PDB file of N, CA and C in Angstrom:
ATOM      1  N   MET A   1       0.855  -1.175   0.000  1.00  0.00           N
ATOM      2  CA  MET A   1       0.000   0.000   0.000  1.00  0.00           C
ATOM      3  C   MET A   1       0.904   1.243   0.000  1.00  0.00           C
ATOM      4  N   SER A   2       0.637   2.176  -0.881  1.00  0.00           N
ATOM      5  CA  SER A   2       1.452   3.389  -0.962  1.00  0.00           C
ATOM      6  C   SER A   2       1.184   4.305   0.232  1.00  0.00           C
ATOM      7  N   ARG A   3       2.120   5.197   0.506  1.00  0.00           N
ATOM      8  CA  ARG A   3       1.958   6.145   1.611  1.00  0.00           C
ATOM      9  C   ARG A   3       0.714   7.009   1.393  1.00  0.00           C
ATOM     10  N   MET A   4       0.467   7.439   0.145  1.00  0.00           N
ATOM     11  CA  MET A   4      -0.710   8.246  -0.150  1.00  0.00           C
ATOM     12  C   MET A   4      -1.996   7.481   0.198  1.00  0.00           C
ATOM     13  N   THR A   5      -2.049   6.217  -0.162  1.00  0.00           N
ATOM     14  CA  THR A   5      -3.225   5.398   0.134  1.00  0.00           C
ATOM     15  C   THR A   5      -3.384   5.215   1.639  1.00  0.00           C
ATOM     16  N   GLU A   6      -2.272   5.040   2.354  1.00  0.00           N
ATOM     17  CA  GLU A   6      -2.326   4.926   3.810  1.00  0.00           C
ATOM     18  C   GLU A   6      -2.889   6.200   4.434  1.00  0.00           C
ATOM     19  N   LEU A   7      -2.411   7.365   3.972  1.00  0.00           N
ATOM     20  CA  LEU A   7      -2.897   8.638   4.496  1.00  0.00           C
ATOM     21  C   LEU A   7      -4.379   8.834   4.180  1.00  0.00           C
ATOM     22  N   ALA A   8      -4.776   8.502   2.954  1.00  0.00           N
ATOM     23  CA  ALA A   8      -6.182   8.630   2.576  1.00  0.00           C
ATOM     24  C   ALA A   8      -7.049   7.765   3.488  1.00  0.00           C
ATOM     25  N   LYS A   9      -6.603   6.573   3.767  1.00  0.00           N
ATOM     26  CA  LYS A   9      -7.354   5.675   4.651  1.00  0.00           C
ATOM     27  C   LYS A   9      -7.407   6.255   6.069  1.00  0.00           C
ATOM     28  N   GLU A  10      -6.274   6.746   6.566  1.00  0.00           N
ATOM     29  CA  GLU A  10      -6.230   7.330   7.907  1.00  0.00           C
ATOM     30  C   GLU A  10      -7.183   8.514   8.032  1.00  0.00           C
ATOM     31  N   TYR A  11      -7.201   9.386   7.026  1.00  0.00           N
ATOM     32  CA  TYR A  11      -8.055  10.575   7.047  1.00  0.00           C
ATOM     33  C   TYR A  11      -9.477  10.293   6.581  1.00  0.00           C
ATOM     34  N   ARG A  12      -9.738   9.064   6.152  1.00  0.00           N
ATOM     35  CA  ARG A  12     -11.045   8.654   5.625  1.00  0.00           C
ATOM     36  C   ARG A  12     -11.421   9.432   4.363  1.00  0.00           C
ATOM     37  N   LEU A  13     -10.412   9.677   3.540  1.00  0.00           N
ATOM     38  CA  LEU A  13     -10.635  10.314   2.236  1.00  0.00           C
ATOM     39  C   LEU A  13     -10.973   9.235   1.214  1.00  0.00           C
ATOM     40  N   PRO A  14     -11.970   9.462   0.393  1.00  0.00           N
ATOM     41  CA  PRO A  14     -12.275   8.467  -0.645  1.00  0.00           C
ATOM     42  C   PRO A  14     -11.211   8.477  -1.742  1.00  0.00           C
ATOM     43  N   LEU A  15     -10.872   7.315  -2.250  1.00  0.00           N
ATOM     44  CA  LEU A  15      -9.930   7.235  -3.359  1.00  0.00           C
ATOM     45  C   LEU A  15     -10.593   7.680  -4.657  1.00  0.00           C
ATOM     46  N   LYS A  16     -11.896   7.450  -4.746  1.00  0.00           N
ATOM     47  CA  LYS A  16     -12.689   7.850  -5.909  1.00  0.00           C
ATOM     48  C   LYS A  16     -13.969   8.498  -5.397  1.00  0.00           C
ATOM     49  N   SER A  17     -14.361   9.609  -6.002  1.00  0.00           N
ATOM     50  CA  SER A  17     -15.536  10.334  -5.546  1.00  0.00           C
ATOM     51  C   SER A  17     -16.022  11.238  -6.674  1.00  0.00           C
ATOM     52  N   THR A  18     -16.829  12.219  -6.325  1.00  0.00           N
ATOM     53  CA  THR A  18     -17.220  13.299  -7.230  1.00  0.00           C
ATOM     54  C   THR A  18     -16.995  14.617  -6.483  1.00  0.00           C
ATOM     55  N   PRO A  19     -16.791  15.724  -7.190  1.00  0.00           N
ATOM     56  CA  PRO A  19     -16.659  17.012  -6.504  1.00  0.00           C
ATOM     57  C   PRO A  19     -17.867  17.313  -5.612  1.00  0.00           C
ATOM     58  N   GLU A  20     -19.035  16.970  -6.091  1.00  0.00           N
ATOM     59  CA  GLU A  20     -20.260  17.209  -5.332  1.00  0.00           C
ATOM     60  C   GLU A  20     -20.252  16.456  -4.000  1.00  0.00           C
ATOM     61  N   ASP A  21     -19.885  15.176  -4.031  1.00  0.00           N
ATOM     62  CA  ASP A  21     -19.845  14.384  -2.802  1.00  0.00           C
ATOM     63  C   ASP A  21     -18.787  14.897  -1.831  1.00  0.00           C
ATOM     64  N   LEU A  22     -17.611  15.282  -2.350  1.00  0.00           N
ATOM     65  CA  LEU A  22     -16.587  15.834  -1.470  1.00  0.00           C
ATOM     66  C   LEU A  22     -17.081  17.103  -0.792  1.00  0.00           C
ATOM     67  N   GLY A  23     -17.780  17.949  -1.565  1.00  0.00           N
ATOM     68  CA  GLY A  23     -18.302  19.194  -1.028  1.00  0.00           C
ATOM     69  C   GLY A  23     -19.321  18.983   0.087  1.00  0.00           C
ATOM     70  N   CYS A  24     -20.005  17.858   0.056  1.00  0.00           N
ATOM     71  CA  CYS A  24     -20.987  17.550   1.116  1.00  0.00           C
ATOM     72  C   CYS A  24     -20.304  17.028   2.377  1.00  0.00           C
ATOM     73  N   ASP A  25     -19.125  16.429   2.228  1.00  0.00           N
ATOM     74  CA  ASP A  25     -18.476  15.749   3.348  1.00  0.00           C
ATOM     75  C   ASP A  25     -17.312  16.517   3.976  1.00  0.00           C
ATOM     76  N   TRP A  26     -16.730  17.490   3.257  1.00  0.00           N
ATOM     77  CA  TRP A  26     -15.530  18.180   3.733  1.00  0.00           C
ATOM     78  C   TRP A  26     -15.742  19.690   3.724  1.00  0.00           C
ATOM     79  N   GLU A  27     -14.994  20.387   4.571  1.00  0.00           N
ATOM     80  CA  GLU A  27     -15.194  21.818   4.782  1.00  0.00           C
ATOM     81  C   GLU A  27     -14.865  22.687   3.577  1.00  0.00           C
ATOM     82  N   THR A  28     -13.735  22.444   2.927  1.00  0.00           N
ATOM     83  CA  THR A  28     -13.299  23.310   1.831  1.00  0.00           C
ATOM     84  C   THR A  28     -12.972  22.462   0.607  1.00  0.00           C
ATOM     85  N   VAL A  29     -13.735  22.645  -0.458  1.00  0.00           N
ATOM     86  CA  VAL A  29     -13.505  21.934  -1.714  1.00  0.00           C
ATOM     87  C   VAL A  29     -13.578  22.974  -2.831  1.00  0.00           C
ATOM     88  N   LEU A  30     -12.488  23.077  -3.603  1.00  0.00           N
ATOM     89  CA  LEU A  30     -12.388  24.093  -4.654  1.00  0.00           C
ATOM     90  C   LEU A  30     -11.997  23.474  -5.979  1.00  0.00           C
ATOM     91  N   ARG A  31     -12.539  24.015  -7.044  1.00  0.00           N
ATOM     92  CA  ARG A  31     -12.100  23.650  -8.390  1.00  0.00           C
ATOM     93  C   ARG A  31     -10.899  24.521  -8.728  1.00  0.00           C
ATOM     94  N   TYR A  32      -9.825  23.935  -9.221  1.00  0.00           N
ATOM     95  CA  TYR A  32      -8.603  24.651  -9.587  1.00  0.00           C
ATOM     96  C   TYR A  32      -8.136  24.092 -10.928  1.00  0.00           C
ATOM     97  N   GLY A  33      -8.624  24.686 -12.016  1.00  0.00           N
ATOM     98  CA  GLY A  33      -8.336  24.148 -13.345  1.00  0.00           C
ATOM     99  C   GLY A  33      -8.938  22.767 -13.485  1.00  0.00           C
ATOM    100  N   ASP A  34      -8.106  21.788 -13.815  1.00  0.00           N
ATOM    101  CA  ASP A  34      -8.603  20.420 -13.962  1.00  0.00           C
ATOM    102  C   ASP A  34      -8.401  19.585 -12.695  1.00  0.00           C
ATOM    103  N   ARG A  35      -8.195  20.252 -11.586  1.00  0.00           N
ATOM    104  CA  ARG A  35      -8.009  19.593 -10.294  1.00  0.00           C
ATOM    105  C   ARG A  35      -9.097  20.023  -9.310  1.00  0.00           C
ATOM    106  N   ILE A  36      -9.326  19.202  -8.323  1.00  0.00           N
ATOM    107  CA  ILE A  36     -10.209  19.519  -7.204  1.00  0.00           C
ATOM    108  C   ILE A  36      -9.340  19.520  -5.951  1.00  0.00           C
ATOM    109  N   LEU A  37      -9.377  20.634  -5.218  1.00  0.00           N
ATOM    110  CA  LEU A  37      -8.569  20.782  -4.015  1.00  0.00           C
ATOM    111  C   LEU A  37      -9.454  20.635  -2.791  1.00  0.00           C
ATOM    112  N   LEU A  38      -8.929  19.991  -1.771  1.00  0.00           N
ATOM    113  CA  LEU A  38      -9.693  19.738  -0.561  1.00  0.00           C
ATOM    114  C   LEU A  38      -8.871  20.142   0.655  1.00  0.00           C
ATOM    115  N   ALA A  39      -9.510  20.833   1.580  1.00  0.00           N
ATOM    116  CA  ALA A  39      -8.952  21.060   2.914  1.00  0.00           C
ATOM    117  C   ALA A  39      -9.996  20.572   3.898  1.00  0.00           C
ATOM    118  N   GLY A  40      -9.584  19.721   4.805  1.00  0.00           N
ATOM    119  CA  GLY A  40     -10.533  19.165   5.755  1.00  0.00           C
ATOM    120  C   GLY A  40      -9.993  19.176   7.162  1.00  0.00           C
ATOM    121  N   HIS A  41     -10.889  19.328   8.111  1.00  0.00           N
ATOM    122  CA  HIS A  41     -10.519  19.333   9.518  1.00  0.00           C
ATOM    123  C   HIS A  41     -10.348  17.903  10.000  1.00  0.00           C
ATOM    124  N   TRP A  42      -9.218  17.647  10.628  1.00  0.00           N
ATOM    125  CA  TRP A  42      -8.926  16.325  11.156  1.00  0.00           C
ATOM    126  C   TRP A  42      -8.320  16.520  12.532  1.00  0.00           C
ATOM    127  N   TYR A  43      -9.000  16.091  13.576  1.00  0.00           N
ATOM    128  CA  TYR A  43      -8.555  16.378  14.930  1.00  0.00           C
ATOM    129  C   TYR A  43      -7.120  15.916  15.168  1.00  0.00           C
ATOM    130  N   ASN A  44      -6.348  16.827  15.736  1.00  0.00           N
ATOM    131  CA  ASN A  44      -4.971  16.554  16.104  1.00  0.00           C
ATOM    132  C   ASN A  44      -4.693  17.365  17.362  1.00  0.00           C
ATOM    133  N   PRO A  45      -4.274  16.745  18.453  1.00  0.00           N
ATOM    134  CA  PRO A  45      -4.128  17.474  19.715  1.00  0.00           C
ATOM    135  C   PRO A  45      -3.064  18.566  19.705  1.00  0.00           C
ATOM    136  N   ASP A  46      -2.147  18.575  18.745  1.00  0.00           N
ATOM    137  CA  ASP A  46      -1.116  19.624  18.728  1.00  0.00           C
ATOM    138  C   ASP A  46      -1.601  20.928  18.094  1.00  0.00           C
ATOM    139  N   GLY A  47      -2.866  20.982  17.667  1.00  0.00           N
ATOM    140  CA  GLY A  47      -3.422  22.208  17.104  1.00  0.00           C
ATOM    141  C   GLY A  47      -3.356  22.289  15.598  1.00  0.00           C
ATOM    142  N   LYS A  48      -2.553  21.464  14.959  1.00  0.00           N
ATOM    143  CA  LYS A  48      -2.508  21.440  13.495  1.00  0.00           C
ATOM    144  C   LYS A  48      -3.495  20.374  13.035  1.00  0.00           C
ATOM    145  N   SER A  49      -4.730  20.823  12.810  1.00  0.00           N
ATOM    146  CA  SER A  49      -5.828  19.876  12.591  1.00  0.00           C
ATOM    147  C   SER A  49      -6.408  19.908  11.185  1.00  0.00           C
ATOM    148  N   TRP A  50      -5.701  20.470  10.222  1.00  0.00           N
ATOM    149  CA  TRP A  50      -6.208  20.517   8.848  1.00  0.00           C
ATOM    150  C   TRP A  50      -5.315  19.700   7.937  1.00  0.00           C
ATOM    151  N   ILE A  51      -5.947  18.953   7.030  1.00  0.00           N
ATOM    152  CA  ILE A  51      -5.227  18.159   6.032  1.00  0.00           C
ATOM    153  C   ILE A  51      -5.614  18.676   4.650  1.00  0.00           C
ATOM    154  N   ALA A  52      -4.838  18.297   3.659  1.00  0.00           N
ATOM    155  CA  ALA A  52      -5.112  18.722   2.285  1.00  0.00           C
ATOM    156  C   ALA A  52      -4.998  17.532   1.343  1.00  0.00           C
ATOM    157  N   ALA A  53      -5.746  17.614   0.246  1.00  0.00           N
ATOM    158  CA  ALA A  53      -5.680  16.584  -0.787  1.00  0.00           C
ATOM    159  C   ALA A  53      -5.954  17.218  -2.143  1.00  0.00           C
ATOM    160  N   VAL A  54      -5.448  16.568  -3.166  1.00  0.00           N
ATOM    161  CA  VAL A  54      -5.669  16.989  -4.546  1.00  0.00           C
ATOM    162  C   VAL A  54      -6.282  15.806  -5.289  1.00  0.00           C
ATOM    163  N   TYR A  55      -7.361  16.083  -6.001  1.00  0.00           N
ATOM    164  CA  TYR A  55      -8.031  15.078  -6.834  1.00  0.00           C
ATOM    165  C   TYR A  55      -7.931  15.499  -8.292  1.00  0.00           C
ATOM    166  N   GLU A  56      -8.044  14.527  -9.189  1.00  0.00           N
ATOM    167  CA  GLU A  56      -8.067  14.810 -10.620  1.00  0.00           C
ATOM    168  C   GLU A  56      -9.243  14.085 -11.255  1.00  0.00           C
ATOM    169  N   PHE A  57      -9.768  14.668 -12.343  1.00  0.00           N
ATOM    170  CA  PHE A  57     -10.852  14.008 -13.068  1.00  0.00           C
ATOM    171  C   PHE A  57     -10.328  12.735 -13.716  1.00  0.00           C
ATOM    172  N   LEU A  58     -11.137  11.689 -13.695  1.00  0.00           N
ATOM    173  CA  LEU A  58     -10.708  10.396 -14.214  1.00  0.00           C
ATOM    174  C   LEU A  58     -10.948  10.245 -15.713  1.00  0.00           C
ATOM    175  N   ASP A  59     -11.832  11.059 -16.271  1.00  0.00           N
ATOM    176  CA  ASP A  59     -12.061  11.055 -17.718  1.00  0.00           C
ATOM    177  C   ASP A  59     -11.535  12.360 -18.304  1.00  0.00           C
ATOM    178  N   ASP A  60     -10.948  12.281 -19.497  1.00  0.00           N
ATOM    179  CA  ASP A  60     -10.364  13.471 -20.121  1.00  0.00           C
ATOM    180  C   ASP A  60     -11.380  14.577 -20.374  1.00  0.00           C
ATOM    181  N   ASP A  61     -12.620  14.225 -20.661  1.00  0.00           N
ATOM    182  CA  ASP A  61     -13.621  15.236 -20.982  1.00  0.00           C
ATOM    183  C   ASP A  61     -14.524  15.575 -19.793  1.00  0.00           C
ATOM    184  N   ALA A  62     -14.188  15.077 -18.611  1.00  0.00           N
ATOM    185  CA  ALA A  62     -15.011  15.312 -17.433  1.00  0.00           C
ATOM    186  C   ALA A  62     -14.740  16.695 -16.852  1.00  0.00           C
ATOM    187  N   THR A  63     -15.808  17.420 -16.546  1.00  0.00           N
ATOM    188  CA  THR A  63     -15.667  18.756 -15.961  1.00  0.00           C
ATOM    189  C   THR A  63     -16.808  19.087 -15.007  1.00  0.00           C
ATOM    190  N   GLU A  64     -17.772  18.232 -14.871  1.00  0.00           N
ATOM    191  CA  GLU A  64     -18.970  18.532 -14.092  1.00  0.00           C
ATOM    192  C   GLU A  64     -18.824  18.086 -12.643  1.00  0.00           C
ATOM    193  N   CYS A  65     -19.690  18.595 -11.804  1.00  0.00           N
ATOM    194  CA  CYS A  65     -19.617  18.292 -10.369  1.00  0.00           C
ATOM    195  C   CYS A  65     -19.970  16.846 -10.053  1.00  0.00           C
ATOM    196  N   ASP A  66     -20.606  16.145 -11.009  1.00  0.00           N
ATOM    197  CA  ASP A  66     -20.949  14.751 -10.753  1.00  0.00           C
ATOM    198  C   ASP A  66     -20.077  13.770 -11.542  1.00  0.00           C
ATOM    199  N   ASP A  67     -18.992  14.267 -12.160  1.00  0.00           N
ATOM    200  CA  ASP A  67     -18.040  13.388 -12.845  1.00  0.00           C
ATOM    201  C   ASP A  67     -17.063  12.803 -11.814  1.00  0.00           C
ATOM    202  N   PHE A  68     -16.565  11.612 -12.087  1.00  0.00           N
ATOM    203  CA  PHE A  68     -15.695  10.947 -11.129  1.00  0.00           C
ATOM    204  C   PHE A  68     -14.301  11.564 -11.096  1.00  0.00           C
ATOM    205  N   ILE A  69     -13.777  11.647  -9.869  1.00  0.00           N
ATOM    206  CA  ILE A  69     -12.426  12.120  -9.623  1.00  0.00           C
ATOM    207  C   ILE A  69     -11.690  11.080  -8.793  1.00  0.00           C
ATOM    208  N   GLY A  70     -10.371  11.053  -8.922  1.00  0.00           N
ATOM    209  CA  GLY A  70      -9.543  10.142  -8.143  1.00  0.00           C
ATOM    210  C   GLY A  70      -8.491  10.922  -7.383  1.00  0.00           C
ATOM    211  N   ILE A  71      -8.111  10.401  -6.264  1.00  0.00           N
ATOM    212  CA  ILE A  71      -7.128  11.094  -5.424  1.00  0.00           C
ATOM    213  C   ILE A  71      -5.756  11.055  -6.092  1.00  0.00           C
ATOM    214  N   ARG A  72      -5.057  12.171  -6.020  1.00  0.00           N
ATOM    215  CA  ARG A  72      -3.746  12.315  -6.656  1.00  0.00           C
ATOM    216  C   ARG A  72      -2.647  12.570  -5.631  1.00  0.00           C
ATOM    217  N   GLU A  73      -2.922  13.404  -4.630  1.00  0.00           N
ATOM    218  CA  GLU A  73      -1.949  13.766  -3.589  1.00  0.00           C
ATOM    219  C   GLU A  73      -2.667  13.914  -2.253  1.00  0.00           C
ATOM    220  N   VAL A  74      -1.987  13.574  -1.178  1.00  0.00           N
ATOM    221  CA  VAL A  74      -2.495  13.779   0.178  1.00  0.00           C
ATOM    222  C   VAL A  74      -1.343  14.329   1.012  1.00  0.00           C
ATOM    223  N   SER A  75      -1.622  15.332   1.807  1.00  0.00           N
ATOM    224  CA  SER A  75      -0.570  15.940   2.623  1.00  0.00           C
ATOM    225  C   SER A  75      -0.204  15.053   3.808  1.00  0.00           C
ATOM    226  N   GLU A  76       1.087  14.870   4.021  1.00  0.00           N
ATOM    227  CA  GLU A  76       1.538  14.250   5.265  1.00  0.00           C
ATOM    228  C   GLU A  76       1.525  15.287   6.366  1.00  0.00           C
ATOM    229  N   GLU A  77       1.833  16.519   5.984  1.00  0.00           N
ATOM    230  CA  GLU A  77       1.831  17.625   6.934  1.00  0.00           C
ATOM    231  C   GLU A  77       0.400  17.978   7.311  1.00  0.00           C
ATOM    232  N   ARG A  78       0.217  18.379   8.548  1.00  0.00           N
ATOM    233  CA  ARG A  78      -1.068  18.915   8.991  1.00  0.00           C
ATOM    234  C   ARG A  78      -0.893  20.406   9.216  1.00  0.00           C
ATOM    235  N   PHE A  79      -1.974  21.156   9.046  1.00  0.00           N
ATOM    236  CA  PHE A  79      -1.893  22.603   9.008  1.00  0.00           C
ATOM    237  C   PHE A  79      -2.745  23.242  10.102  1.00  0.00           C
ATOM    238  N   THR A  80      -2.466  24.519  10.386  1.00  0.00           N
ATOM    239  CA  THR A  80      -3.187  25.237  11.442  1.00  0.00           C
ATOM    240  C   THR A  80      -4.549  25.731  10.988  1.00  0.00           C
ATOM    241  N   ASP A  81      -4.759  25.847   9.673  1.00  0.00           N
ATOM    242  CA  ASP A  81      -6.049  26.323   9.170  1.00  0.00           C
ATOM    243  C   ASP A  81      -6.250  25.855   7.731  1.00  0.00           C
ATOM    244  N   ASN A  82      -7.466  26.074   7.223  1.00  0.00           N
ATOM    245  CA  ASN A  82      -7.773  25.595   5.863  1.00  0.00           C
ATOM    246  C   ASN A  82      -7.047  26.396   4.793  1.00  0.00           C
ATOM    247  N   GLY A  83      -6.706  27.656   5.066  1.00  0.00           N
ATOM    248  CA  GLY A  83      -5.952  28.449   4.089  1.00  0.00           C
ATOM    249  C   GLY A  83      -4.581  27.864   3.809  1.00  0.00           C
ATOM    250  N   HIS A  84      -3.859  27.470   4.853  1.00  0.00           N
ATOM    251  CA  HIS A  84      -2.549  26.856   4.661  1.00  0.00           C
ATOM    252  C   HIS A  84      -2.673  25.488   3.987  1.00  0.00           C
ATOM    253  N   ALA A  85      -3.732  24.767   4.316  1.00  0.00           N
ATOM    254  CA  ALA A  85      -3.958  23.473   3.673  1.00  0.00           C
ATOM    255  C   ALA A  85      -4.220  23.654   2.175  1.00  0.00           C
ATOM    256  N   ILE A  86      -5.033  24.635   1.816  1.00  0.00           N
ATOM    257  CA  ILE A  86      -5.311  24.889   0.399  1.00  0.00           C
ATOM    258  C   ILE A  86      -4.060  25.391  -0.316  1.00  0.00           C
ATOM    259  N   ALA A  87      -3.231  26.195   0.358  1.00  0.00           N
ATOM    260  CA  ALA A  87      -1.966  26.644  -0.250  1.00  0.00           C
ATOM    261  C   ALA A  87      -1.105  25.434  -0.609  1.00  0.00           C
ATOM    262  N   TRP A  88      -1.048  24.439   0.278  1.00  0.00           N
ATOM    263  CA  TRP A  88      -0.311  23.210  -0.019  1.00  0.00           C
ATOM    264  C   TRP A  88      -0.921  22.515  -1.237  1.00  0.00           C
ATOM    265  N   ALA A  89      -2.247  22.423  -1.255  1.00  0.00           N
ATOM    266  CA  ALA A  89      -2.927  21.739  -2.358  1.00  0.00           C
ATOM    267  C   ALA A  89      -2.651  22.448  -3.686  1.00  0.00           C
ATOM    268  N   ILE A  90      -2.652  23.780  -3.695  1.00  0.00           N
ATOM    269  CA  ILE A  90      -2.345  24.518  -4.931  1.00  0.00           C
ATOM    270  C   ILE A  90      -0.934  24.200  -5.402  1.00  0.00           C
ATOM    271  N   GLN A  91       0.008  24.188  -4.477  1.00  0.00           N
ATOM    272  CA  GLN A  91       1.404  23.889  -4.837  1.00  0.00           C
ATOM    273  C   GLN A  91       1.568  22.466  -5.353  1.00  0.00           C
ATOM    274  N   ASN A  92       0.689  21.575  -4.951  1.00  0.00           N
ATOM    275  CA  ASN A  92       0.811  20.163  -5.337  1.00  0.00           C
ATOM    276  C   ASN A  92      -0.196  19.740  -6.398  1.00  0.00           C
ATOM    277  N   ALA A  93      -0.931  20.715  -6.935  1.00  0.00           N
ATOM    278  CA  ALA A  93      -1.911  20.412  -7.975  1.00  0.00           C
ATOM    279  C   ALA A  93      -1.205  20.122  -9.273  1.00  0.00           C
TER     280      ALA A  93
END
């Protein structure tokens, strides 16, 4: 199992989803070109309780909120807020 898959499992991030479903389950979900960026709150006692992930559309012509996306990157680092988490996601998109 890859480290990314381990992190996704730990954070309970779906490996495959839709932008719409992510938006219902996580605090911050943004479209960034052909990527979907996610920042989510994940309890951590040290105060850095935000994680980030980057998803990509699975079909070349997919662009809608109900088209399937797959996970591409997951942050090992945890962040103090959703802004820093999204900054990481932009850099890793």
